[in-house]
Protein backbone atom coordinates (compact mmCIF):
# COMPACT_ATOMS: atom_id res chain seq x y z
CA VAL A 1 -129.39 30.95 -53.64
CA VAL A 2 -126.21 30.18 -55.54
CA GLN A 3 -128.38 26.99 -57.44
CA ARG A 4 -131.82 29.39 -58.06
CA GLN A 5 -129.56 32.50 -59.31
CA ALA A 6 -127.35 30.41 -61.93
CA THR A 7 -130.65 29.13 -63.56
CA ARG A 8 -131.99 31.97 -63.19
CA ASP A 9 -129.21 33.17 -65.33
CA TYR A 10 -130.86 31.55 -68.35
CA LEU A 11 -133.32 34.97 -68.17
CA PRO A 12 -133.33 37.96 -69.93
CA VAL A 13 -132.67 40.93 -68.38
CA VAL A 14 -134.72 44.05 -68.78
CA ASN A 15 -134.63 47.87 -67.69
CA ALA A 16 -136.51 50.43 -67.90
CA GLY A 17 -135.93 54.59 -67.22
CA ALA A 18 -137.18 57.73 -68.00
CA SER A 19 -135.26 61.10 -68.00
CA HIS A 20 -136.12 64.85 -67.39
CA GLY A 21 -133.58 67.61 -68.08
CA TYR A 22 -132.73 70.97 -69.21
CA ASN A 23 -129.82 71.84 -72.01
CA TRP A 24 -128.61 75.06 -73.16
CA GLY A 25 -125.86 75.88 -75.76
CA GLN A 26 -125.66 75.13 -79.56
CA ARG A 27 -126.59 71.36 -79.63
CA ILE A 28 -128.61 69.45 -82.14
CA ASP A 29 -131.64 67.83 -80.89
CA PRO A 30 -132.51 64.57 -81.34
CA PHE A 31 -135.94 64.62 -82.20
CA THR A 32 -135.72 67.69 -84.60
CA ASN A 33 -132.66 67.12 -86.00
CA GLU A 34 -132.18 71.12 -85.29
CA PHE A 35 -129.50 73.34 -84.10
CA ALA A 36 -130.60 75.06 -80.85
CA SER A 37 -129.24 77.63 -78.91
CA GLU A 38 -131.89 78.41 -76.09
CA ARG A 39 -132.42 76.31 -72.94
CA VAL A 40 -134.83 73.53 -74.20
CA ARG A 41 -136.32 70.96 -71.78
CA THR A 42 -136.19 67.07 -72.80
CA ASN A 43 -137.90 63.95 -71.73
CA ASN A 44 -136.78 60.09 -72.71
CA LEU A 45 -138.92 57.56 -72.07
CA TYR A 46 -137.17 53.73 -73.00
CA VAL A 47 -137.54 50.08 -72.00
CA GLY A 48 -134.75 47.78 -73.34
CA GLY A 49 -133.88 44.09 -72.44
CA ASN A 50 -131.33 41.64 -73.45
CA TRP A 51 -131.28 38.04 -73.56
CA LEU A 52 -128.21 35.83 -73.92
CA LEU A 53 -128.94 33.09 -76.41
CA PHE A 54 -125.75 31.34 -76.99
CA ASN A 55 -122.61 31.62 -74.70
CA GLY A 56 -120.98 28.43 -75.43
CA LEU A 57 -122.83 26.49 -72.22
CA GLN A 58 -121.19 28.68 -69.53
CA ASN A 59 -124.91 28.85 -67.95
CA TYR A 60 -125.58 25.11 -68.22
CA TYR A 61 -122.27 24.41 -66.38
CA LEU A 62 -122.56 27.23 -64.01
CA VAL A 63 -125.95 25.71 -63.12
CA GLN A 64 -124.15 22.20 -62.90
CA LYS A 65 -121.73 24.04 -60.43
CA ALA A 66 -123.93 25.47 -58.46
CA ARG A 67 -125.78 21.77 -57.82
CA THR A 68 -122.28 20.38 -56.79
CA GLU A 69 -121.67 23.24 -54.53
CA VAL A 70 -124.61 22.76 -52.72
CA ALA A 71 -123.93 18.61 -52.14
CA TYR A 72 -120.52 19.60 -51.28
CA GLN A 73 -121.89 21.77 -48.78
CA GLN A 74 -124.27 18.94 -47.16
CA TYR A 75 -121.07 16.41 -47.02
CA ASN A 76 -119.33 19.29 -45.32
CA GLN A 77 -121.94 19.98 -42.94
CA GLU A 78 -121.96 16.32 -42.31
CA VAL A 79 -118.38 16.15 -41.18
CA GLN A 80 -118.83 19.11 -39.16
CA GLU A 81 -121.92 17.44 -37.26
CA ARG A 82 -119.86 14.07 -36.74
CA ASN A 83 -117.03 16.11 -35.52
CA LEU A 84 -119.08 17.77 -33.21
CA LYS A 85 -120.66 14.88 -31.92
CA ILE A 86 -117.25 13.68 -31.27
CA ASP A 87 -116.08 16.24 -29.48
CA VAL A 88 -119.42 16.72 -26.93
CA THR A 89 -118.78 12.83 -26.80
CA ALA A 90 -115.25 13.41 -25.13
CA HIS A 91 -116.30 16.28 -22.82
CA TYR A 92 -118.93 14.29 -21.67
CA LEU A 93 -117.18 11.31 -20.96
CA GLN A 94 -114.54 13.04 -19.46
CA VAL A 95 -117.05 14.06 -16.82
CA LEU A 96 -118.15 10.66 -16.71
CA LEU A 97 -114.42 9.27 -15.74
CA ALA A 98 -114.12 11.85 -13.46
CA ASP A 99 -117.34 11.04 -11.84
CA GLN A 100 -116.22 7.47 -11.33
CA GLN A 101 -112.70 8.34 -10.02
CA LEU A 102 -114.07 10.69 -7.56
CA LYS A 103 -116.76 7.72 -6.06
CA ASN A 104 -113.14 5.95 -5.93
CA ALA A 105 -111.22 8.33 -3.89
CA ARG A 106 -113.95 8.19 -1.17
CA GLU A 107 -114.60 4.76 -1.46
CA GLN A 108 -110.77 4.64 -1.15
CA LEU A 109 -111.06 6.84 1.89
CA ALA A 110 -114.17 5.37 3.87
CA TYR A 111 -112.30 2.35 3.22
CA THR A 112 -109.28 3.85 5.28
CA ARG A 113 -111.78 5.63 7.97
CA LYS A 114 -112.93 2.26 8.45
CA LEU A 115 -109.92 0.57 9.09
CA GLN A 116 -108.72 3.67 11.11
CA GLN A 117 -111.66 3.35 13.61
CA ARG A 118 -110.66 -0.55 13.69
CA THR A 119 -106.79 0.11 14.40
CA ARG A 120 -108.15 2.88 17.58
CA GLU A 121 -110.36 -0.25 19.02
CA LEU A 122 -107.88 -2.31 18.56
CA LEU A 123 -105.31 -0.15 20.08
CA GLN A 124 -107.84 -0.04 23.27
CA ALA A 125 -107.52 -3.66 23.46
CA GLU A 126 -103.50 -3.15 23.11
CA GLN A 127 -103.57 -5.36 19.96
CA ALA A 128 -102.25 -2.80 18.21
CA THR A 129 -99.49 0.24 18.95
CA GLU A 130 -99.85 4.24 18.63
CA LEU A 131 -97.76 4.56 15.31
CA SER A 132 -99.90 2.59 13.49
CA LEU A 133 -102.74 4.53 14.64
CA LEU A 134 -100.73 7.10 13.31
CA GLU A 135 -99.59 6.11 10.50
CA ILE A 136 -103.07 5.47 9.63
CA GLU A 137 -104.45 8.47 10.19
CA ALA A 138 -101.55 10.15 8.37
CA GLN A 139 -102.89 7.84 5.18
CA THR A 140 -106.44 9.25 6.29
CA ALA A 141 -105.35 12.71 5.52
CA LEU A 142 -103.98 12.21 2.87
CA ASP A 143 -107.17 9.74 1.37
CA SER A 144 -108.50 12.84 2.13
CA LEU A 145 -106.63 15.40 -0.33
CA SER A 146 -107.17 12.79 -2.87
CA VAL A 147 -111.09 12.85 -2.83
CA THR A 148 -110.14 17.00 -3.01
CA GLN A 149 -108.12 16.56 -5.70
CA ALA A 150 -111.13 14.55 -8.18
CA ASN A 151 -113.60 16.77 -6.67
CA ASN A 152 -111.50 19.62 -8.47
CA SER A 153 -111.09 17.43 -11.75
CA LEU A 154 -115.10 16.97 -11.77
CA ARG A 155 -115.43 20.82 -11.38
CA LEU A 156 -112.64 21.46 -13.79
CA ALA A 157 -114.40 18.92 -16.40
CA GLU A 158 -117.95 19.87 -16.37
CA PHE A 159 -116.20 23.69 -16.39
CA ARG A 160 -114.72 22.95 -19.75
CA LEU A 161 -118.21 20.76 -21.08
CA LYS A 162 -119.84 24.25 -20.31
CA GLN A 163 -117.05 26.52 -22.46
CA PHE A 164 -117.47 23.90 -25.24
CA LEU A 165 -121.00 23.96 -25.27
CA ASN A 166 -120.65 27.83 -24.77
CA LEU A 167 -122.92 27.72 -21.49
CA PRO A 168 -121.74 30.35 -18.87
CA PRO A 169 -119.53 29.55 -16.04
CA GLU A 170 -122.61 29.99 -13.87
CA ALA A 171 -125.11 28.15 -15.81
CA SER A 172 -126.32 24.85 -13.75
CA PHE A 173 -127.47 21.74 -15.49
CA GLN A 174 -127.96 18.18 -14.58
CA LEU A 175 -125.76 15.45 -16.37
CA ASP A 176 -127.27 11.55 -16.30
CA LYS A 177 -124.38 10.09 -15.22
CA ALA A 178 -125.02 6.67 -16.14
CA LYS A 179 -122.63 5.49 -18.58
CA GLY A 180 -125.95 3.26 -20.11
CA ASN A 181 -126.80 6.79 -21.47
CA LEU A 182 -123.79 6.07 -24.60
CA PRO A 183 -125.59 3.87 -26.74
CA ILE A 184 -122.89 1.32 -27.98
CA ASN A 185 -123.36 -0.74 -31.25
CA PRO A 186 -121.36 -3.75 -29.42
CA GLU A 187 -121.34 -4.88 -33.37
CA SER A 188 -120.49 -2.01 -35.59
CA PRO A 189 -121.67 -2.08 -39.41
CA PRO A 190 -118.22 -1.85 -41.81
CA ILE A 191 -116.74 1.06 -42.51
CA VAL A 192 -117.06 2.14 -46.18
CA MET A 193 -114.88 4.18 -47.27
CA GLU A 194 -116.56 5.55 -50.36
CA GLN A 195 -119.45 6.82 -48.20
CA LEU A 196 -117.27 8.50 -45.65
CA PRO A 197 -117.92 12.22 -45.76
CA GLU A 198 -115.33 14.16 -46.46
CA LEU A 199 -114.46 11.40 -49.45
CA LEU A 200 -117.52 12.46 -50.75
CA ARG A 201 -117.28 15.91 -50.35
CA ALA A 202 -113.37 16.07 -51.53
CA GLU A 203 -115.15 13.60 -54.99
CA GLU A 204 -117.70 17.17 -55.37
CA LEU A 205 -114.53 19.20 -54.85
CA ALA A 206 -112.99 17.69 -57.84
CA LYS A 207 -115.99 18.12 -59.64
CA ILE A 208 -116.25 21.28 -59.28
CA ASN A 209 -112.77 21.82 -60.49
CA GLU A 210 -113.87 20.17 -63.22
CA THR A 211 -116.78 22.47 -64.04
CA ASN A 212 -114.20 24.52 -63.81
CA LEU A 213 -112.16 23.83 -66.30
CA LYS A 214 -115.09 23.30 -68.62
CA ILE A 215 -116.71 26.74 -67.95
CA ALA A 216 -112.77 28.01 -68.62
CA ARG A 217 -112.82 26.25 -72.00
CA ARG A 218 -116.45 27.57 -73.23
CA GLN A 219 -114.91 31.23 -72.86
CA LEU A 220 -113.38 30.60 -76.50
CA SER A 221 -116.76 30.40 -77.70
CA PRO A 222 -118.45 32.44 -80.00
CA SER A 223 -122.08 34.26 -77.84
CA LEU A 224 -124.98 35.16 -79.28
CA SER A 225 -127.42 37.64 -78.01
CA LEU A 226 -130.59 39.42 -78.88
CA ASN A 227 -131.31 42.98 -77.92
CA ALA A 228 -134.45 45.20 -77.79
CA SER A 229 -135.48 48.65 -77.08
CA MET A 230 -138.38 50.90 -77.44
CA GLY A 231 -139.25 54.27 -76.27
CA SER A 232 -140.10 58.01 -76.64
CA GLY A 233 -139.51 61.16 -75.77
CA TYR A 234 -140.16 65.10 -75.51
CA SER A 235 -138.43 68.17 -76.60
CA GLY A 236 -139.63 71.47 -75.89
CA ASN A 237 -137.25 72.57 -79.68
CA ASN A 238 -139.73 70.42 -81.43
CA THR A 239 -142.06 73.57 -82.59
CA GLU A 240 -145.22 73.96 -84.95
CA GLN A 241 -146.70 77.48 -86.47
CA VAL A 242 -150.21 78.43 -84.33
CA GLY A 243 -151.03 81.64 -86.32
CA THR A 244 -148.10 83.86 -86.37
CA GLU A 245 -146.52 81.77 -83.40
CA PHE A 246 -143.90 78.72 -83.05
CA VAL A 247 -145.18 76.81 -79.72
CA ALA A 248 -143.82 73.44 -78.78
CA LYS A 249 -145.60 70.30 -79.78
CA SER A 250 -147.77 68.68 -76.86
CA PHE A 251 -146.05 66.01 -74.61
CA ASN A 252 -148.69 63.30 -75.98
CA ARG A 253 -148.33 64.48 -79.30
CA GLN A 254 -144.56 63.95 -78.87
CA LEU A 255 -144.81 60.87 -77.47
CA ASP A 256 -146.91 59.41 -80.46
CA GLU A 257 -145.01 60.49 -82.96
CA ASN A 258 -141.18 59.72 -81.38
CA PHE A 259 -141.92 56.42 -80.88
CA TYR A 260 -139.20 54.01 -81.20
CA GLN A 261 -138.48 50.13 -81.43
CA ALA A 262 -135.64 48.16 -82.49
CA ALA A 263 -133.89 44.74 -82.04
CA ALA A 264 -130.58 43.41 -82.82
CA VAL A 265 -128.84 40.09 -83.12
CA THR A 266 -125.27 40.44 -81.71
CA LEU A 267 -122.57 37.41 -82.78
CA SER A 268 -119.50 38.12 -80.79
CA VAL A 269 -116.56 35.47 -81.61
CA PRO A 270 -113.57 35.80 -79.51
CA ILE A 271 -110.15 36.49 -81.27
CA PHE A 272 -107.81 37.52 -79.16
CA ASN A 273 -108.12 38.20 -75.33
CA LYS A 274 -104.47 38.86 -74.33
CA GLY A 275 -104.21 35.61 -73.53
CA THR A 276 -106.58 35.62 -70.16
CA VAL A 277 -109.05 32.89 -71.14
CA GLY A 278 -105.64 30.81 -71.92
CA SER A 279 -104.54 31.83 -68.40
CA SER A 280 -108.08 30.84 -66.97
CA ILE A 281 -107.77 27.37 -68.80
CA THR A 282 -103.76 26.41 -67.21
CA ARG A 283 -105.64 27.54 -63.58
CA SER A 284 -108.23 25.53 -63.88
CA ARG A 285 -106.16 22.81 -65.06
CA ILE A 286 -103.78 22.95 -62.00
CA GLU A 287 -106.91 23.63 -59.38
CA LEU A 288 -108.21 20.20 -61.18
CA GLU A 289 -105.48 18.17 -60.39
CA LYS A 290 -104.52 19.13 -57.07
CA ALA A 291 -108.24 18.73 -55.98
CA THR A 292 -107.32 14.73 -57.44
CA LEU A 293 -104.18 14.68 -55.65
CA GLN A 294 -105.99 15.92 -52.44
CA LYS A 295 -109.02 13.60 -52.79
CA GLN A 296 -106.13 10.83 -53.34
CA ASN A 297 -104.09 11.43 -50.12
CA LEU A 298 -107.25 11.90 -48.17
CA ARG A 299 -108.58 8.81 -48.84
CA LEU A 300 -104.83 6.89 -48.08
CA GLU A 301 -104.79 9.05 -44.20
CA LEU A 302 -108.32 8.46 -43.59
CA GLN A 303 -107.37 4.76 -44.29
CA ASN A 304 -105.06 4.93 -41.98
CA LYS A 305 -106.86 6.92 -39.49
CA ILE A 306 -109.59 3.87 -39.74
CA ALA A 307 -106.79 1.36 -39.21
CA GLN A 308 -105.14 3.36 -35.75
CA LEU A 309 -109.16 3.71 -34.61
CA GLN A 310 -109.24 -0.12 -35.11
CA LEU A 311 -106.42 -1.18 -33.45
CA GLU A 312 -106.85 1.52 -30.63
CA LEU A 313 -110.16 -0.07 -29.95
CA GLU A 314 -108.33 -3.80 -29.63
CA ASN A 315 -105.81 -2.70 -27.48
CA ALA A 316 -108.70 -0.72 -25.31
CA GLN A 317 -110.66 -3.67 -25.08
CA LEU A 318 -107.54 -5.84 -23.96
CA GLN A 319 -106.13 -3.19 -21.59
CA GLN A 320 -109.90 -3.58 -20.21
CA THR A 321 -109.80 -6.90 -19.75
CA THR A 322 -106.37 -7.15 -18.16
CA ALA A 323 -106.97 -4.41 -15.87
CA GLN A 324 -110.54 -5.87 -14.61
CA THR A 325 -108.75 -9.07 -14.23
CA ALA A 326 -106.32 -6.83 -12.31
CA ARG A 327 -108.50 -5.09 -9.91
CA ASN A 328 -110.51 -8.55 -9.12
CA ALA A 329 -106.91 -10.09 -7.99
CA THR A 330 -105.61 -6.94 -5.82
CA GLN A 331 -109.10 -6.84 -4.22
CA LYS A 332 -109.11 -10.90 -2.89
CA ALA A 333 -105.21 -9.56 -2.05
CA LEU A 334 -106.65 -6.71 -0.15
CA GLU A 335 -108.85 -8.83 1.65
CA ILE A 336 -106.18 -11.32 3.03
CA ALA A 337 -103.93 -8.36 3.66
CA GLN A 338 -106.17 -6.63 5.99
CA LEU A 339 -107.22 -9.77 7.94
CA ASN A 340 -103.22 -10.47 8.18
CA TYR A 341 -102.70 -7.32 9.27
CA GLU A 342 -105.35 -6.77 12.56
CA GLU A 343 -103.97 -10.26 13.46
CA GLY A 344 -100.01 -8.80 13.32
CA ARG A 345 -99.07 -10.84 10.92
CA ILE A 346 -97.98 -7.74 8.97
CA ASN A 347 -96.93 -4.46 9.37
CA PHE A 348 -98.77 -1.29 7.95
CA ALA A 349 -96.22 -0.65 5.61
CA ASP A 350 -97.04 -4.00 3.76
CA PHE A 351 -100.48 -3.24 4.29
CA LEU A 352 -100.72 0.13 2.42
CA GLU A 353 -98.76 -1.31 -0.19
CA VAL A 354 -100.78 -3.94 -1.05
CA ARG A 355 -103.81 -0.96 -0.37
CA ASN A 356 -102.37 0.94 -2.58
CA LYS A 357 -102.33 -1.46 -5.44
CA HIS A 358 -106.05 -2.75 -4.99
CA PHE A 359 -106.81 1.19 -5.81
CA LEU A 360 -104.09 1.96 -7.96
CA ALA A 361 -105.78 -0.88 -10.13
CA GLN A 362 -109.29 0.24 -9.83
CA SER A 363 -107.98 3.80 -10.96
CA GLN A 364 -106.67 2.06 -14.04
CA SER A 365 -109.64 -0.65 -14.73
CA THR A 366 -111.61 2.57 -14.38
CA ASN A 367 -109.59 4.28 -17.41
CA ALA A 368 -109.58 1.60 -19.39
CA GLN A 369 -113.28 1.56 -19.17
CA PHE A 370 -114.10 4.56 -20.78
CA GLU A 371 -110.76 4.90 -23.46
CA TYR A 372 -112.87 1.73 -24.39
CA LEU A 373 -116.26 3.51 -24.18
CA PHE A 374 -114.43 6.51 -26.33
CA LYS A 375 -112.96 4.71 -29.35
CA LYS A 376 -115.95 2.31 -29.67
CA LYS A 377 -118.08 5.73 -29.72
CA ILE A 378 -115.44 7.01 -32.71
CA LEU A 379 -115.93 3.84 -34.57
CA ASN A 380 -119.53 3.93 -34.27
CA TYR A 381 -119.81 7.68 -35.43
CA TYR A 382 -117.74 6.62 -38.54
CA SER A 383 -119.74 4.02 -39.87
CA GLY A 384 -122.77 6.21 -39.80
């Protein structure tokens, strides 16, 4: 819209008008140039136009500015869309993470219940004590609490996702909770700083301020305009003698007799304007310098941000590998500890310590996996 309007500023301005009125009192009739003291009816019809032929190329730079503003808004939309994707991905991954942690908690509870049933069988065979069964039952209750807490975390994550998507809390939707739904490019293309929409947007903003400076300077140039008009009118005081009486000339006759045309070329040269143009030039120059500095600072910020994301991705990948190794190791240790516990070579406290280490490693492995997915997805968004 702004671009179309800037282009239309090259066109002339044409207006038409008409009036119908009455005058009382002493006055000079514009059509007869005679004094009139009685009530006189008047009508005026006119068409006038103004065409700005030259104003120091201000219109040209206004068109260029409008085009630059369109590009600025496009890059700004790209930034907002990418940030929105990152936020949606974060909320979605949080739901997936909470769902996986709920599965881990249920797996932990199922394991404890299985062990509880095994302990009852050992107690009946007089190979376990009543105290061991009570300890396992207490642990089963704690694991049930962990399942409840994990389920609450999942519900909260889904609620926050609904809020972010502007969905009512009672709205129902089905999420495909398979991690494969998040396409991850294993080898993301390199991030080209000059192609990031933030920098392109800052570049367009600098161009806008540069054009504003040119427009402000052009206010010192002379302007040339063409004015033209034509019209006619009627006056009740414009009379003629018919016989022994004076009667007003007919409306159509007066329109023909009073028809006029006018055209003029106007040259305006600015000499003194109380310093307003100078102030405008100074403000535009300051805004241009600010935009240039902001672009430079933004480049440094983006470089640091991308470098930090790449480092965080490497750390997340290393943490994921280490957590998976720890998970596999604690899984083997748990299998051995369970066999030793059932054979009475270790007590329940020692077995519980090994068990808790395994499920802690399982939880840490899940967190590391989703952390790596999130960092990788962010870099994919930045690389386009």
